[in-house]
Amino acid sequence: MPELVVALDLPDAPAALDMAARLTGAVTWVKVGLELYTAQGPSILAALKGMGFNVFLDLKFLDIPNTVRGAVRSAVGAGADMLNVHASGGARMMQAARQGLDEAAAPGTAPLLLAVTVLTSMDERDLPLAPGRTVADLVLDLARATRDAGLHGVVCSGHEAGAVKAACGPGFICLTPGIRPAGADDDQRRVVTPARAVTAGADFLVAGRPVTRAADPRGAALSLLEQMRQIGVK
């Protein structure tokens, strides 16, 4: 069954660690993004790993190849179990990221390295697409480039996960952010329910606010997991 990743998009370590404590035993993966990492640095990864969590470090590196190579090395050294770059950085940048991963990881223990295709907050209105081109076309182009650069998979909407799997192979990882229970409404545009993401073949589903802003975060996480299991056993 796919894994649920809870996004700890919180302002500081006390808030993040308190939320993580509520989720202990319910989920095994948490995400550390730009806000929390900028506030606390690598120490937050060590604290979360000390609580038994796998950590997805969501910093979306995008820079010249040598800088990204060094950033990936540092992220691996900080203890990230999964990390990402922007696929729009191009083949050389992604290849450099993979090189940094291989340089820093112990043999057989490399974290997962993914590339972001198109943010789930964006749609055709936000992108300079050529006439006749869609977001799905762009996502597939970036996914194929990511595969060819030697990365493990991509971050993509559940709307495109099935097509990515078909184009890049069943072993190519799809991490799907923007997971929302049916009827949810917020600033994201290309969101999907847990059922749709699992049906599309997503390997990791990321949910933040539906869990962390719930009155009962643990219960909300368990509810999402149950929705995922119900699809998985059909």
Protein backbone atom coordinates (compact mmCIF):
# COMPACT_ATOMS: atom_id res chain seq x y z
CA MET A 1 0.00 0.00 0.00
CA PRO A 2 1.21 3.56 -0.64
CA GLU A 3 2.68 5.55 2.23
CA LEU A 4 1.06 8.61 3.81
CA VAL A 5 3.44 11.53 4.43
CA VAL A 6 2.24 14.25 6.81
CA ALA A 7 3.59 17.70 5.97
CA LEU A 8 4.79 19.47 9.10
CA ASP A 9 4.38 22.91 7.56
CA LEU A 10 4.68 24.61 10.93
CA PRO A 11 6.70 27.65 12.02
CA ASP A 12 9.11 26.19 14.55
CA ALA A 13 10.46 23.06 16.22
CA PRO A 14 8.16 23.06 19.29
CA ALA A 15 5.05 23.15 17.09
CA ALA A 16 6.43 20.54 14.68
CA LEU A 17 7.61 18.15 17.38
CA ASP A 18 4.33 18.46 19.28
CA MET A 19 2.45 17.55 16.10
CA ALA A 20 4.84 14.69 15.39
CA ALA A 21 4.29 13.32 18.89
CA ARG A 22 0.54 13.22 18.22
CA LEU A 23 1.18 11.23 15.04
CA THR A 24 3.62 8.70 16.48
CA GLY A 25 2.47 5.20 15.66
CA ALA A 26 -0.08 6.40 13.10
CA VAL A 27 2.26 7.40 10.26
CA THR A 28 5.89 6.61 9.53
CA TRP A 29 6.73 9.52 7.19
CA VAL A 30 6.72 13.28 7.82
CA LYS A 31 7.72 16.15 5.58
CA VAL A 32 9.95 19.10 6.49
CA GLY A 33 9.54 22.02 4.10
CA LEU A 34 11.02 25.45 3.56
CA GLU A 35 9.41 27.26 6.48
CA LEU A 36 10.36 24.76 9.16
CA TYR A 37 13.82 24.00 7.79
CA THR A 38 14.67 27.69 7.44
CA ALA A 39 13.63 28.28 11.04
CA GLN A 40 15.35 25.28 12.60
CA GLY A 41 17.97 23.88 10.21
CA PRO A 42 19.23 20.29 10.17
CA SER A 43 18.53 19.77 13.87
CA ILE A 44 14.83 19.29 13.13
CA LEU A 45 15.63 16.27 10.97
CA ALA A 46 17.65 14.70 13.76
CA ALA A 47 14.85 15.29 16.26
CA LEU A 48 12.20 13.74 14.02
CA LYS A 49 14.37 10.77 13.15
CA GLY A 50 15.03 10.30 16.85
CA MET A 51 11.26 9.92 17.25
CA GLY A 52 11.30 7.10 14.70
CA PHE A 53 10.04 8.95 11.61
CA ASN A 54 11.32 8.79 8.07
CA VAL A 55 11.83 12.37 6.86
CA PHE A 56 11.07 13.81 3.43
CA LEU A 57 13.13 17.01 3.11
CA ASP A 58 11.09 19.12 0.70
CA LEU A 59 13.41 21.97 -0.33
CA LYS A 60 13.00 21.68 -4.12
CA PHE A 61 16.60 22.54 -5.05
CA LEU A 62 16.98 24.61 -8.24
CA ASP A 63 20.37 26.15 -9.04
CA ILE A 64 23.49 25.56 -11.09
CA PRO A 65 24.54 21.89 -11.17
CA ASN A 66 27.51 22.16 -8.83
CA THR A 67 25.49 24.01 -6.18
CA VAL A 68 22.70 21.44 -6.31
CA ARG A 69 25.21 18.62 -6.12
CA GLY A 70 26.58 20.10 -2.88
CA ALA A 71 23.11 20.80 -1.48
CA VAL A 72 22.06 17.19 -2.04
CA ARG A 73 25.23 15.97 -0.32
CA SER A 74 24.41 18.19 2.65
CA ALA A 75 20.79 17.01 2.77
CA VAL A 76 21.87 13.38 2.80
CA GLY A 77 24.39 14.16 5.54
CA ALA A 78 21.61 15.80 7.56
CA GLY A 79 19.66 12.55 7.52
CA ALA A 80 17.00 13.06 4.84
CA ASP A 81 15.35 9.81 3.79
CA MET A 82 13.84 11.45 0.72
CA LEU A 83 14.57 14.80 -0.96
CA ASN A 84 13.79 16.65 -4.14
CA VAL A 85 14.97 19.03 -6.84
CA HIS A 86 13.08 20.89 -9.57
CA ALA A 87 13.00 18.97 -12.85
CA SER A 88 12.90 22.32 -14.65
CA GLY A 89 16.56 22.73 -13.67
CA GLY A 90 17.43 20.47 -16.59
CA ALA A 91 19.25 17.24 -17.22
CA ARG A 92 22.72 18.39 -16.12
CA MET A 93 21.40 19.71 -12.83
CA MET A 94 19.49 16.51 -12.10
CA GLN A 95 22.49 14.38 -13.00
CA ALA A 96 24.60 16.48 -10.63
CA ALA A 97 21.98 15.95 -7.91
CA ARG A 98 22.23 12.20 -8.42
CA GLN A 99 26.01 12.44 -8.22
CA GLY A 100 25.76 14.30 -4.91
CA LEU A 101 23.41 11.62 -3.60
CA ASP A 102 25.79 8.82 -4.56
CA GLU A 103 28.75 10.65 -3.02
CA ALA A 104 27.07 11.16 0.34
CA ALA A 105 25.03 7.98 0.85
CA ALA A 106 26.43 4.79 2.29
CA PRO A 107 26.28 1.86 -0.16
CA GLY A 108 22.79 0.39 -0.30
CA THR A 109 21.23 3.12 1.86
CA ALA A 110 20.69 5.99 -0.58
CA PRO A 111 17.67 8.19 0.15
CA LEU A 112 15.04 8.59 -2.52
CA LEU A 113 15.75 11.47 -4.89
CA LEU A 114 12.73 12.91 -6.70
CA ALA A 115 12.15 15.81 -9.07
CA VAL A 116 9.23 18.23 -8.89
CA THR A 117 7.30 18.46 -12.16
CA VAL A 118 4.55 21.10 -11.81
CA LEU A 119 3.41 22.40 -8.43
CA THR A 120 -0.11 21.35 -7.47
CA SER A 121 -0.98 25.01 -6.83
CA MET A 122 -0.53 25.69 -10.57
CA ASP A 123 -2.58 24.97 -13.66
CA GLU A 124 -2.67 26.13 -17.31
CA ARG A 125 -3.37 29.72 -16.21
CA ASP A 126 0.00 29.92 -14.45
CA LEU A 127 2.26 28.42 -17.11
CA PRO A 128 3.57 29.75 -20.47
CA LEU A 129 2.45 26.66 -22.38
CA ALA A 130 2.60 26.52 -26.17
CA PRO A 131 -0.76 26.41 -27.96
CA GLY A 132 -2.32 22.98 -27.69
CA ARG A 133 -0.08 21.93 -24.79
CA THR A 134 -1.46 21.02 -21.36
CA VAL A 135 -0.05 20.70 -17.87
CA ALA A 136 -0.18 16.92 -18.33
CA ASP A 137 2.05 17.18 -21.41
CA LEU A 138 4.61 19.22 -19.49
CA VAL A 139 4.53 16.82 -16.52
CA LEU A 140 5.20 13.84 -18.78
CA ASP A 141 8.11 15.60 -20.50
CA LEU A 142 9.66 16.44 -17.13
CA ALA A 143 9.04 12.93 -15.79
CA ARG A 144 10.82 11.32 -18.74
CA ALA A 145 13.75 13.71 -18.30
CA THR A 146 13.88 12.83 -14.60
CA ARG A 147 13.94 9.13 -15.37
CA ASP A 148 16.68 9.59 -17.95
CA ALA A 149 18.77 11.57 -15.43
CA GLY A 150 18.75 8.59 -13.04
CA LEU A 151 16.47 9.89 -10.30
CA HIS A 152 14.04 7.62 -8.50
CA GLY A 153 10.80 9.39 -9.42
CA VAL A 154 8.82 12.59 -9.46
CA VAL A 155 6.53 14.79 -7.45
CA CYS A 156 3.33 15.17 -9.46
CA SER A 157 -0.39 15.65 -9.01
CA GLY A 158 -2.61 12.62 -8.74
CA HIS A 159 -4.15 13.83 -11.99
CA GLU A 160 -0.94 12.85 -13.80
CA ALA A 161 0.37 9.94 -11.71
CA GLY A 162 -1.22 7.23 -13.83
CA ALA A 163 0.17 8.66 -17.05
CA VAL A 164 3.62 9.04 -15.48
CA LYS A 165 3.60 5.39 -14.41
CA ALA A 166 2.54 4.32 -17.89
CA ALA A 167 5.28 6.41 -19.52
CA CYS A 168 8.15 5.75 -17.11
CA GLY A 169 7.43 2.29 -15.72
CA PRO A 170 5.75 0.88 -12.62
CA GLY A 171 8.93 1.12 -10.55
CA PHE A 172 9.26 4.86 -11.14
CA ILE A 173 8.07 6.58 -7.95
CA CYS A 174 5.21 9.06 -7.93
CA LEU A 175 4.80 11.22 -4.84
CA THR A 176 1.47 13.04 -4.87
CA PRO A 177 0.99 16.24 -2.83
CA GLY A 178 -2.27 18.11 -2.52
CA ILE A 179 -4.17 15.22 -0.95
CA ARG A 180 -7.53 16.42 0.29
CA PRO A 181 -10.58 14.64 1.68
CA ALA A 182 -13.62 14.88 -0.56
CA GLY A 183 -15.21 18.33 -0.33
CA ALA A 184 -12.12 20.18 0.94
CA ASP A 185 -11.46 23.68 -0.42
CA ASP A 186 -8.25 25.76 -0.25
CA ASP A 187 -5.58 27.47 -2.35
CA GLN A 188 -4.45 24.33 -4.15
CA ARG A 189 -5.78 23.76 -7.67
CA ARG A 190 -4.78 20.27 -8.89
CA VAL A 191 -5.76 18.34 -5.78
CA VAL A 192 -7.08 14.79 -5.48
CA THR A 193 -8.68 12.58 -2.86
CA PRO A 194 -6.71 9.68 -1.32
CA ALA A 195 -8.83 7.25 -3.32
CA ARG A 196 -8.01 8.90 -6.63
CA ALA A 197 -4.29 9.07 -5.86
CA VAL A 198 -4.10 5.40 -4.89
CA THR A 199 -6.11 4.36 -7.93
CA ALA A 200 -3.71 6.34 -10.14
CA GLY A 201 -0.75 4.42 -8.72
CA ALA A 202 0.84 7.00 -6.42
CA ASP A 203 3.50 5.56 -4.10
CA PHE A 204 3.49 8.39 -1.54
CA LEU A 205 0.58 10.70 -0.67
CA VAL A 206 1.35 14.00 1.08
CA ALA A 207 -1.24 15.69 3.27
CA GLY A 208 -0.62 18.71 5.47
CA ARG A 209 -3.43 20.98 6.58
CA PRO A 210 -6.16 18.29 6.49
CA VAL A 211 -4.16 16.59 9.26
CA THR A 212 -2.28 19.32 11.10
CA ARG A 213 -5.24 21.72 11.31
CA ALA A 214 -7.73 19.04 12.32
CA ALA A 215 -9.14 19.03 15.83
CA ASP A 216 -7.80 15.47 16.11
CA PRO A 217 -4.68 15.21 13.89
CA ARG A 218 -4.07 11.56 14.69
CA GLY A 219 -7.67 10.70 13.88
CA ALA A 220 -7.49 12.67 10.63
CA ALA A 221 -4.33 10.80 9.58
CA LEU A 222 -5.89 7.45 10.42
CA SER A 223 -8.99 8.39 8.41
CA LEU A 224 -6.85 9.15 5.34
CA LEU A 225 -5.00 5.87 5.79
CA GLU A 226 -8.29 3.99 5.99
CA GLN A 227 -9.45 5.62 2.74
CA MET A 228 -6.18 4.50 1.14
CA ARG A 229 -6.57 0.94 2.44
CA GLN A 230 -10.14 0.63 1.19
CA ILE A 231 -8.98 1.32 -2.35
CA GLY A 232 -5.91 -0.88 -1.98
CA VAL A 233 -7.90 -3.99 -1.07
CA LYS A 234 -10.43 -3.69 -3.92
